[in-house]
């Protein structure tokens, strides 16, 4: 199962990911991006990869997590 994550330590809160996909991203109380929907739907993966490439500080990743 693949999950999308935002590294809040390097996020600058530019809002690109939130404006591109409000289903997966939202702002936290500090104005930084956070993941709203963690599990990546295969149909959404191409769009999410484009957002990851567009992040100016490379704060977004998709990780493959093994199901328990």
PDB file of N, CA and C in Angstrom:
ATOM      1  N   UNK A   1       0.849  -1.169   0.000  1.00  0.00           N
ATOM      2  CA  UNK A   1       0.000   0.000   0.000  1.00  0.00           C
ATOM      3  C   UNK A   1       0.899   1.238   0.000  1.00  0.00           C
ATOM      4  N   UNK A   2       0.619   2.150  -0.906  1.00  0.00           N
ATOM      5  CA  UNK A   2       1.413   3.369  -0.988  1.00  0.00           C
ATOM      6  C   UNK A   2       0.731   4.497  -0.233  1.00  0.00           C
ATOM      7  N   UNK A   3       1.549   5.267   0.492  1.00  0.00           N
ATOM      8  CA  UNK A   3       1.039   6.398   1.259  1.00  0.00           C
ATOM      9  C   UNK A   3       1.811   7.648   0.898  1.00  0.00           C
ATOM     10  N   UNK A   4       1.104   8.769   0.846  1.00  0.00           N
ATOM     11  CA  UNK A   4       1.734  10.045   0.548  1.00  0.00           C
ATOM     12  C   UNK A   4       2.037  10.750   1.867  1.00  0.00           C
ATOM     13  N   UNK A   5       3.199  11.406   1.908  1.00  0.00           N
ATOM     14  CA  UNK A   5       3.622  12.085   3.133  1.00  0.00           C
ATOM     15  C   UNK A   5       4.207  13.446   2.787  1.00  0.00           C
ATOM     16  N   UNK A   6       4.027  14.397   3.718  1.00  0.00           N
ATOM     17  CA  UNK A   6       4.626  15.720   3.596  1.00  0.00           C
ATOM     18  C   UNK A   6       5.587  15.898   4.764  1.00  0.00           C
ATOM     19  N   UNK A   7       6.821  16.266   4.455  1.00  0.00           N
ATOM     20  CA  UNK A   7       7.814  16.540   5.490  1.00  0.00           C
ATOM     21  C   UNK A   7       7.624  17.982   5.950  1.00  0.00           C
ATOM     22  N   UNK A   8       6.991  18.157   7.097  1.00  0.00           N
ATOM     23  CA  UNK A   8       6.689  19.502   7.589  1.00  0.00           C
ATOM     24  C   UNK A   8       7.938  20.264   8.018  1.00  0.00           C
ATOM     25  N   UNK A   9       9.052  19.559   8.198  1.00  0.00           N
ATOM     26  CA  UNK A   9      10.300  20.227   8.560  1.00  0.00           C
ATOM     27  C   UNK A   9      10.874  21.038   7.404  1.00  0.00           C
ATOM     28  N   UNK A  10      10.549  20.644   6.167  1.00  0.00           N
ATOM     29  CA  UNK A  10      11.083  21.393   5.028  1.00  0.00           C
ATOM     30  C   UNK A  10      10.014  22.095   4.199  1.00  0.00           C
ATOM     31  N   UNK A  11       8.738  21.813   4.466  1.00  0.00           N
ATOM     32  CA  UNK A  11       7.639  22.482   3.755  1.00  0.00           C
ATOM     33  C   UNK A  11       7.696  23.984   4.030  1.00  0.00           C
ATOM     34  N   UNK A  12       7.508  24.795   2.984  1.00  0.00           N
ATOM     35  CA  UNK A  12       7.514  26.252   3.136  1.00  0.00           C
ATOM     36  C   UNK A  12       6.112  26.843   3.027  1.00  0.00           C
ATOM     37  N   UNK A  13       5.106  25.992   2.834  1.00  0.00           N
ATOM     38  CA  UNK A  13       3.721  26.453   2.793  1.00  0.00           C
ATOM     39  C   UNK A  13       3.362  27.243   1.551  1.00  0.00           C
ATOM     40  N   UNK A  14       3.989  26.915   0.430  1.00  0.00           N
ATOM     41  CA  UNK A  14       3.702  27.668  -0.803  1.00  0.00           C
ATOM     42  C   UNK A  14       2.280  27.428  -1.301  1.00  0.00           C
ATOM     43  N   UNK A  15       1.685  26.288  -0.944  1.00  0.00           N
ATOM     44  CA  UNK A  15       0.300  26.010  -1.282  1.00  0.00           C
ATOM     45  C   UNK A  15       0.061  25.346  -2.624  1.00  0.00           C
ATOM     46  N   UNK A  16       1.114  25.052  -3.359  1.00  0.00           N
ATOM     47  CA  UNK A  16       0.957  24.433  -4.669  1.00  0.00           C
ATOM     48  C   UNK A  16       0.187  23.119  -4.577  1.00  0.00           C
ATOM     49  N   UNK A  17       0.574  22.265  -3.652  1.00  0.00           N
ATOM     50  CA  UNK A  17      -0.075  20.955  -3.545  1.00  0.00           C
ATOM     51  C   UNK A  17      -1.542  21.095  -3.145  1.00  0.00           C
ATOM     52  N   UNK A  18      -1.828  22.007  -2.228  1.00  0.00           N
ATOM     53  CA  UNK A  18      -3.205  22.213  -1.782  1.00  0.00           C
ATOM     54  C   UNK A  18      -4.060  22.731  -2.935  1.00  0.00           C
ATOM     55  N   UNK A  19      -3.522  23.672  -3.701  1.00  0.00           N
ATOM     56  CA  UNK A  19      -4.293  24.228  -4.813  1.00  0.00           C
ATOM     57  C   UNK A  19      -4.482  23.220  -5.942  1.00  0.00           C
ATOM     58  N   UNK A  20      -3.544  22.280  -6.079  1.00  0.00           N
ATOM     59  CA  UNK A  20      -3.629  21.280  -7.137  1.00  0.00           C
ATOM     60  C   UNK A  20      -4.529  20.102  -6.769  1.00  0.00           C
ATOM     61  N   UNK A  21      -4.601  19.768  -5.467  1.00  0.00           N
ATOM     62  CA  UNK A  21      -5.379  18.592  -5.080  1.00  0.00           C
ATOM     63  C   UNK A  21      -5.846  18.698  -3.628  1.00  0.00           C
ATOM     64  N   UNK A  22      -7.034  19.255  -3.430  1.00  0.00           N
ATOM     65  CA  UNK A  22      -7.585  19.419  -2.087  1.00  0.00           C
ATOM     66  C   UNK A  22      -8.105  18.115  -1.491  1.00  0.00           C
ATOM     67  N   UNK A  23      -8.169  17.072  -2.297  1.00  0.00           N
ATOM     68  CA  UNK A  23      -8.580  15.766  -1.768  1.00  0.00           C
ATOM     69  C   UNK A  23      -7.467  15.164  -0.912  1.00  0.00           C
ATOM     70  N   UNK A  24      -6.213  15.392  -1.300  1.00  0.00           N
ATOM     71  CA  UNK A  24      -5.073  14.797  -0.605  1.00  0.00           C
ATOM     72  C   UNK A  24      -4.347  15.756   0.336  1.00  0.00           C
ATOM     73  N   UNK A  25      -4.433  17.069   0.097  1.00  0.00           N
ATOM     74  CA  UNK A  25      -3.650  18.027   0.874  1.00  0.00           C
ATOM     75  C   UNK A  25      -4.513  19.128   1.464  1.00  0.00           C
ATOM     76  N   UNK A  26      -4.082  19.632   2.629  1.00  0.00           N
ATOM     77  CA  UNK A  26      -4.702  20.781   3.263  1.00  0.00           C
ATOM     78  C   UNK A  26      -3.630  21.482   4.091  1.00  0.00           C
ATOM     79  N   UNK A  27      -3.956  22.679   4.593  1.00  0.00           N
ATOM     80  CA  UNK A  27      -3.015  23.406   5.433  1.00  0.00           C
ATOM     81  C   UNK A  27      -3.224  23.044   6.896  1.00  0.00           C
ATOM     82  N   UNK A  28      -2.124  22.988   7.650  1.00  0.00           N
ATOM     83  CA  UNK A  28      -2.236  22.802   9.093  1.00  0.00           C
ATOM     84  C   UNK A  28      -2.343  24.172   9.762  1.00  0.00           C
ATOM     85  N   UNK A  29      -2.355  24.219  11.080  1.00  0.00           N
ATOM     86  CA  UNK A  29      -2.528  25.467  11.817  1.00  0.00           C
ATOM     87  C   UNK A  29      -1.370  26.451  11.613  1.00  0.00           C
ATOM     88  N   UNK A  30      -0.212  25.937  11.200  1.00  0.00           N
ATOM     89  CA  UNK A  30       0.953  26.794  10.965  1.00  0.00           C
ATOM     90  C   UNK A  30       1.039  27.280   9.521  1.00  0.00           C
ATOM     91  N   UNK A  31       0.057  26.906   8.694  1.00  0.00           N
ATOM     92  CA  UNK A  31       0.059  27.317   7.296  1.00  0.00           C
ATOM     93  C   UNK A  31       0.920  26.456   6.395  1.00  0.00           C
ATOM     94  N   UNK A  32       1.316  25.297   6.890  1.00  0.00           N
ATOM     95  CA  UNK A  32       2.100  24.353   6.099  1.00  0.00           C
ATOM     96  C   UNK A  32       1.182  23.251   5.582  1.00  0.00           C
ATOM     97  N   UNK A  33       1.617  22.609   4.531  1.00  0.00           N
ATOM     98  CA  UNK A  33       0.824  21.531   3.947  1.00  0.00           C
ATOM     99  C   UNK A  33       0.854  20.297   4.842  1.00  0.00           C
ATOM    100  N   UNK A  34      -0.280  19.608   4.868  1.00  0.00           N
ATOM    101  CA  UNK A  34      -0.330  18.300   5.533  1.00  0.00           C
ATOM    102  C   UNK A  34      -1.208  17.390   4.693  1.00  0.00           C
ATOM    103  N   UNK A  35      -1.002  16.110   4.879  1.00  0.00           N
ATOM    104  CA  UNK A  35      -1.760  15.123   4.117  1.00  0.00           C
ATOM    105  C   UNK A  35      -3.147  14.983   4.727  1.00  0.00           C
ATOM    106  N   UNK A  36      -4.130  15.040   3.869  1.00  0.00           N
ATOM    107  CA  UNK A  36      -5.532  14.900   4.263  1.00  0.00           C
ATOM    108  C   UNK A  36      -5.991  13.456   4.030  1.00  0.00           C
ATOM    109  N   UNK A  37      -5.539  12.880   2.936  1.00  0.00           N
ATOM    110  CA  UNK A  37      -5.880  11.502   2.557  1.00  0.00           C
ATOM    111  C   UNK A  37      -4.553  10.789   2.306  1.00  0.00           C
ATOM    112  N   UNK A  38      -4.188   9.879   3.204  1.00  0.00           N
ATOM    113  CA  UNK A  38      -2.856   9.284   3.199  1.00  0.00           C
ATOM    114  C   UNK A  38      -2.659   8.186   2.154  1.00  0.00           C
ATOM    115  N   UNK A  39      -3.640   7.317   1.993  1.00  0.00           N
ATOM    116  CA  UNK A  39      -3.495   6.169   1.085  1.00  0.00           C
ATOM    117  C   UNK A  39      -3.691   6.622  -0.364  1.00  0.00           C
ATOM    118  N   UNK A  40      -2.709   6.290  -1.195  1.00  0.00           N
ATOM    119  CA  UNK A  40      -2.725   6.708  -2.598  1.00  0.00           C
ATOM    120  C   UNK A  40      -3.598   5.777  -3.420  1.00  0.00           C
ATOM    121  N   UNK A  41      -4.607   6.347  -4.058  1.00  0.00           N
ATOM    122  CA  UNK A  41      -5.442   5.609  -4.997  1.00  0.00           C
ATOM    123  C   UNK A  41      -4.677   5.524  -6.318  1.00  0.00           C
ATOM    124  N   UNK A  42      -4.596   4.360  -6.894  1.00  0.00           N
ATOM    125  CA  UNK A  42      -3.827   4.164  -8.128  1.00  0.00           C
ATOM    126  C   UNK A  42      -4.272   5.126  -9.239  1.00  0.00           C
ATOM    127  N   UNK A  43      -5.559   5.435  -9.302  1.00  0.00           N
ATOM    128  CA  UNK A  43      -6.069   6.352 -10.331  1.00  0.00           C
ATOM    129  C   UNK A  43      -5.551   7.779 -10.150  1.00  0.00           C
ATOM    130  N   UNK A  44      -5.137   8.124  -8.933  1.00  0.00           N
ATOM    131  CA  UNK A  44      -4.655   9.472  -8.629  1.00  0.00           C
ATOM    132  C   UNK A  44      -3.137   9.595  -8.697  1.00  0.00           C
ATOM    133  N   UNK A  45      -2.447   8.481  -8.850  1.00  0.00           N
ATOM    134  CA  UNK A  45      -0.992   8.472  -8.700  1.00  0.00           C
ATOM    135  C   UNK A  45      -0.271   9.386  -9.702  1.00  0.00           C
ATOM    136  N   UNK A  46      -0.697   9.406 -10.947  1.00  0.00           N
ATOM    137  CA  UNK A  46      -0.027  10.241 -11.945  1.00  0.00           C
ATOM    138  C   UNK A  46      -0.103  11.715 -11.556  1.00  0.00           C
ATOM    139  N   UNK A  47      -1.276  12.175 -11.148  1.00  0.00           N
ATOM    140  CA  UNK A  47      -1.434  13.563 -10.725  1.00  0.00           C
ATOM    141  C   UNK A  47      -0.588  13.861  -9.491  1.00  0.00           C
ATOM    142  N   UNK A  48      -0.554  12.935  -8.541  1.00  0.00           N
ATOM    143  CA  UNK A  48       0.237  13.137  -7.334  1.00  0.00           C
ATOM    144  C   UNK A  48       1.734  13.195  -7.648  1.00  0.00           C
ATOM    145  N   UNK A  49       2.190  12.374  -8.583  1.00  0.00           N
ATOM    146  CA  UNK A  49       3.605  12.414  -8.974  1.00  0.00           C
ATOM    147  C   UNK A  49       3.953  13.760  -9.605  1.00  0.00           C
ATOM    148  N   UNK A  50       3.040  14.343 -10.371  1.00  0.00           N
ATOM    149  CA  UNK A  50       3.261  15.674 -10.941  1.00  0.00           C
ATOM    150  C   UNK A  50       3.366  16.725  -9.838  1.00  0.00           C
ATOM    151  N   UNK A  51       2.540  16.609  -8.820  1.00  0.00           N
ATOM    152  CA  UNK A  51       2.601  17.540  -7.689  1.00  0.00           C
ATOM    153  C   UNK A  51       3.923  17.376  -6.942  1.00  0.00           C
ATOM    154  N   UNK A  52       4.352  16.141  -6.741  1.00  0.00           N
ATOM    155  CA  UNK A  52       5.624  15.881  -6.065  1.00  0.00           C
ATOM    156  C   UNK A  52       6.774  16.532  -6.827  1.00  0.00           C
ATOM    157  N   UNK A  53       6.774  16.386  -8.147  1.00  0.00           N
ATOM    158  CA  UNK A  53       7.823  16.990  -8.972  1.00  0.00           C
ATOM    159  C   UNK A  53       7.780  18.512  -8.920  1.00  0.00           C
ATOM    160  N   UNK A  54       6.602  19.087  -8.726  1.00  0.00           N
ATOM    161  CA  UNK A  54       6.439  20.534  -8.724  1.00  0.00           C
ATOM    162  C   UNK A  54       6.751  21.182  -7.377  1.00  0.00           C
ATOM    163  N   UNK A  55       6.814  20.411  -6.314  1.00  0.00           N
ATOM    164  CA  UNK A  55       7.087  20.967  -4.984  1.00  0.00           C
ATOM    165  C   UNK A  55       8.465  21.626  -4.990  1.00  0.00           C
ATOM    166  N   UNK A  56       8.526  22.934  -4.676  1.00  0.00           N
ATOM    167  CA  UNK A  56       9.807  23.647  -4.782  1.00  0.00           C
ATOM    168  C   UNK A  56      10.877  23.206  -3.788  1.00  0.00           C
ATOM    169  N   UNK A  57      10.480  22.528  -2.708  1.00  0.00           N
ATOM    170  CA  UNK A  57      11.463  22.085  -1.716  1.00  0.00           C
ATOM    171  C   UNK A  57      11.490  20.563  -1.551  1.00  0.00           C
ATOM    172  N   UNK A  58      10.828  19.854  -2.449  1.00  0.00           N
ATOM    173  CA  UNK A  58      10.791  18.376  -2.418  1.00  0.00           C
ATOM    174  C   UNK A  58      10.332  17.828  -1.068  1.00  0.00           C
ATOM    175  N   UNK A  59       9.264  18.400  -0.545  1.00  0.00           N
ATOM    176  CA  UNK A  59       8.764  18.003   0.772  1.00  0.00           C
ATOM    177  C   UNK A  59       7.760  16.852   0.721  1.00  0.00           C
ATOM    178  N   UNK A  60       7.353  16.436  -0.483  1.00  0.00           N
ATOM    179  CA  UNK A  60       6.309  15.417  -0.615  1.00  0.00           C
ATOM    180  C   UNK A  60       6.901  14.135  -1.189  1.00  0.00           C
ATOM    181  N   UNK A  61       6.538  13.006  -0.598  1.00  0.00           N
ATOM    182  CA  UNK A  61       6.999  11.711  -1.092  1.00  0.00           C
ATOM    183  C   UNK A  61       5.850  10.702  -1.039  1.00  0.00           C
ATOM    184  N   UNK A  62       5.971   9.684  -1.873  1.00  0.00           N
ATOM    185  CA  UNK A  62       5.088   8.525  -1.787  1.00  0.00           C
ATOM    186  C   UNK A  62       5.945   7.364  -1.322  1.00  0.00           C
ATOM    187  N   UNK A  63       5.519   6.724  -0.244  1.00  0.00           N
ATOM    188  CA  UNK A  63       6.252   5.598   0.311  1.00  0.00           C
ATOM    189  C   UNK A  63       5.416   4.337   0.208  1.00  0.00           C
ATOM    190  N   UNK A  64       6.086   3.242  -0.061  1.00  0.00           N
ATOM    191  CA  UNK A  64       5.419   1.946  -0.108  1.00  0.00           C
ATOM    192  C   UNK A  64       5.475   1.337   1.267  1.00  0.00           C
ATOM    193  N   UNK A  65       4.319   1.152   1.878  1.00  0.00           N
ATOM    194  CA  UNK A  65       4.263   0.579   3.207  1.00  0.00           C
ATOM    195  C   UNK A  65       3.601  -0.782   3.137  1.00  0.00           C
ATOM    196  N   UNK A  66       4.238  -1.746   3.744  1.00  0.00           N
ATOM    197  CA  UNK A  66       3.700  -3.104   3.768  1.00  0.00           C
ATOM    198  C   UNK A  66       2.523  -3.168   4.730  1.00  0.00           C
ATOM    199  N   UNK A  67       1.474  -3.818   4.295  1.00  0.00           N
ATOM    200  CA  UNK A  67       0.309  -3.985   5.155  1.00  0.00           C
ATOM    201  C   UNK A  67       0.610  -5.054   6.206  1.00  0.00           C
ATOM    202  N   UNK A  68       0.161  -4.811   7.407  1.00  0.00           N
ATOM    203  CA  UNK A  68       0.422  -5.749   8.508  1.00  0.00           C
ATOM    204  C   UNK A  68      -0.512  -6.926   8.441  1.00  0.00           C
TER     205      UNK A  68
END
